[in-house]
């Protein structure tokens, strides 16, 4: 995918929401908008899949193995006990 530059006119309220979301997700405003656009397109093309299913599929396609990601120290004892 190339780095095409363009101008997209969006409502001020949508821009404000993108700005707020970008600060939470540690993305630039442009990266947040691009993420929402990509996810929106994928959701429209795959209406029977949930957001989580789409993200999991995209991560798998990128070679990310969620099973190998662990929190330092493992889960808290309360989580271990609840799972038992």
C-alpha atoms as a PDB file:
ATOM      1  CA  UNK A   1       0.000   0.000   0.000  1.00  0.00           C
ATOM      2  CA  UNK A   2       1.494   3.323  -1.040  1.00  0.00           C
ATOM      3  CA  UNK A   3       1.688   6.499   0.952  1.00  0.00           C
ATOM      4  CA  UNK A   4      -0.864   8.506  -0.968  1.00  0.00           C
ATOM      5  CA  UNK A   5      -1.649  11.920   0.410  1.00  0.00           C
ATOM      6  CA  UNK A   6      -5.105  13.338   0.076  1.00  0.00           C
ATOM      7  CA  UNK A   7      -7.594  15.575   1.720  1.00  0.00           C
ATOM      8  CA  UNK A   8     -10.752  14.154   3.238  1.00  0.00           C
ATOM      9  CA  UNK A   9     -13.442  16.490   4.467  1.00  0.00           C
ATOM     10  CA  UNK A  10     -14.950  15.269   7.717  1.00  0.00           C
ATOM     11  CA  UNK A  11     -17.309  16.778  10.219  1.00  0.00           C
ATOM     12  CA  UNK A  12     -15.674  18.695  13.096  1.00  0.00           C
ATOM     13  CA  UNK A  13     -17.295  16.351  15.642  1.00  0.00           C
ATOM     14  CA  UNK A  14     -15.871  13.282  13.874  1.00  0.00           C
ATOM     15  CA  UNK A  15     -12.434  14.915  13.813  1.00  0.00           C
ATOM     16  CA  UNK A  16     -12.729  15.610  17.540  1.00  0.00           C
ATOM     17  CA  UNK A  17     -13.628  11.963  18.195  1.00  0.00           C
ATOM     18  CA  UNK A  18     -10.661  10.800  16.090  1.00  0.00           C
ATOM     19  CA  UNK A  19      -8.359  13.124  18.038  1.00  0.00           C
ATOM     20  CA  UNK A  20      -9.629  11.778  21.380  1.00  0.00           C
ATOM     21  CA  UNK A  21      -9.390   8.150  20.258  1.00  0.00           C
ATOM     22  CA  UNK A  22      -5.879   8.683  18.903  1.00  0.00           C
ATOM     23  CA  UNK A  23      -4.631   9.819  22.302  1.00  0.00           C
ATOM     24  CA  UNK A  24      -6.030   6.693  23.965  1.00  0.00           C
ATOM     25  CA  UNK A  25      -4.687   4.291  21.338  1.00  0.00           C
ATOM     26  CA  UNK A  26      -1.256   5.979  21.027  1.00  0.00           C
ATOM     27  CA  UNK A  27      -1.779   6.631  17.315  1.00  0.00           C
ATOM     28  CA  UNK A  28      -1.449   9.839  15.370  1.00  0.00           C
ATOM     29  CA  UNK A  29      -4.719  11.433  14.300  1.00  0.00           C
ATOM     30  CA  UNK A  30      -4.054  10.295  10.723  1.00  0.00           C
ATOM     31  CA  UNK A  31      -3.210   6.745  11.831  1.00  0.00           C
ATOM     32  CA  UNK A  32      -6.404   6.579  13.921  1.00  0.00           C
ATOM     33  CA  UNK A  33      -8.505   7.766  10.974  1.00  0.00           C
ATOM     34  CA  UNK A  34      -6.786   5.240   8.686  1.00  0.00           C
ATOM     35  CA  UNK A  35      -7.417   2.459  11.222  1.00  0.00           C
ATOM     36  CA  UNK A  36     -11.118   3.313  11.484  1.00  0.00           C
ATOM     37  CA  UNK A  37     -11.406   3.506   7.696  1.00  0.00           C
ATOM     38  CA  UNK A  38      -9.704   0.135   7.227  1.00  0.00           C
ATOM     39  CA  UNK A  39     -11.776  -1.562   9.932  1.00  0.00           C
ATOM     40  CA  UNK A  40     -14.948  -0.001   8.532  1.00  0.00           C
ATOM     41  CA  UNK A  41     -14.148  -1.319   5.058  1.00  0.00           C
ATOM     42  CA  UNK A  42     -13.382  -4.789   6.434  1.00  0.00           C
ATOM     43  CA  UNK A  43     -16.630  -4.780   8.427  1.00  0.00           C
ATOM     44  CA  UNK A  44     -18.637  -3.832   5.332  1.00  0.00           C
ATOM     45  CA  UNK A  45     -16.945  -6.559   3.285  1.00  0.00           C
ATOM     46  CA  UNK A  46     -17.411  -9.154   6.064  1.00  0.00           C
ATOM     47  CA  UNK A  47     -20.803  -8.361   7.648  1.00  0.00           C
ATOM     48  CA  UNK A  48     -21.065 -11.694   9.450  1.00  0.00           C
ATOM     49  CA  UNK A  49     -17.768 -11.263  11.304  1.00  0.00           C
ATOM     50  CA  UNK A  50     -17.434  -9.403  14.608  1.00  0.00           C
ATOM     51  CA  UNK A  51     -14.879  -6.660  15.162  1.00  0.00           C
ATOM     52  CA  UNK A  52     -12.813  -9.056  17.303  1.00  0.00           C
ATOM     53  CA  UNK A  53     -12.885 -11.742  14.605  1.00  0.00           C
ATOM     54  CA  UNK A  54     -11.743  -9.244  11.980  1.00  0.00           C
ATOM     55  CA  UNK A  55      -8.902  -7.941  14.163  1.00  0.00           C
ATOM     56  CA  UNK A  56      -7.817 -11.511  15.033  1.00  0.00           C
ATOM     57  CA  UNK A  57      -7.822 -12.431  11.334  1.00  0.00           C
ATOM     58  CA  UNK A  58      -5.767  -9.346  10.426  1.00  0.00           C
ATOM     59  CA  UNK A  59      -3.267 -10.009  13.225  1.00  0.00           C
ATOM     60  CA  UNK A  60      -2.906 -13.636  12.117  1.00  0.00           C
ATOM     61  CA  UNK A  61      -2.399 -12.543   8.498  1.00  0.00           C
ATOM     62  CA  UNK A  62       0.359 -10.197   9.708  1.00  0.00           C
ATOM     63  CA  UNK A  63       2.070 -13.074  11.523  1.00  0.00           C
ATOM     64  CA  UNK A  64       1.175 -12.027  15.067  1.00  0.00           C
ATOM     65  CA  UNK A  65       0.774 -15.031  17.370  1.00  0.00           C
ATOM     66  CA  UNK A  66      -1.413 -13.926  20.312  1.00  0.00           C
ATOM     67  CA  UNK A  67      -0.717 -17.189  22.148  1.00  0.00           C
ATOM     68  CA  UNK A  68       2.933 -16.168  22.536  1.00  0.00           C
ATOM     69  CA  UNK A  69       2.114 -12.798  24.109  1.00  0.00           C
ATOM     70  CA  UNK A  70       2.092 -12.992  27.888  1.00  0.00           C
ATOM     71  CA  UNK A  71       1.893 -10.448  30.662  1.00  0.00           C
ATOM     72  CA  UNK A  72       5.052 -10.344  32.769  1.00  0.00           C
ATOM     73  CA  UNK A  73       4.598 -12.662  35.722  1.00  0.00           C
ATOM     74  CA  UNK A  74       1.576 -14.402  34.208  1.00  0.00           C
ATOM     75  CA  UNK A  75      -2.033 -13.913  35.283  1.00  0.00           C
ATOM     76  CA  UNK A  76      -2.838 -12.866  38.856  1.00  0.00           C
ATOM     77  CA  UNK A  77      -3.710 -15.629  41.328  1.00  0.00           C
ATOM     78  CA  UNK A  78      -7.365 -14.525  41.336  1.00  0.00           C
ATOM     79  CA  UNK A  79      -7.562 -15.135  37.587  1.00  0.00           C
ATOM     80  CA  UNK A  80      -5.871 -18.531  37.956  1.00  0.00           C
ATOM     81  CA  UNK A  81      -8.304 -19.524  40.714  1.00  0.00           C
ATOM     82  CA  UNK A  82     -11.345 -18.405  38.699  1.00  0.00           C
ATOM     83  CA  UNK A  83     -10.171 -20.446  35.712  1.00  0.00           C
ATOM     84  CA  UNK A  84      -9.722 -23.605  37.807  1.00  0.00           C
END
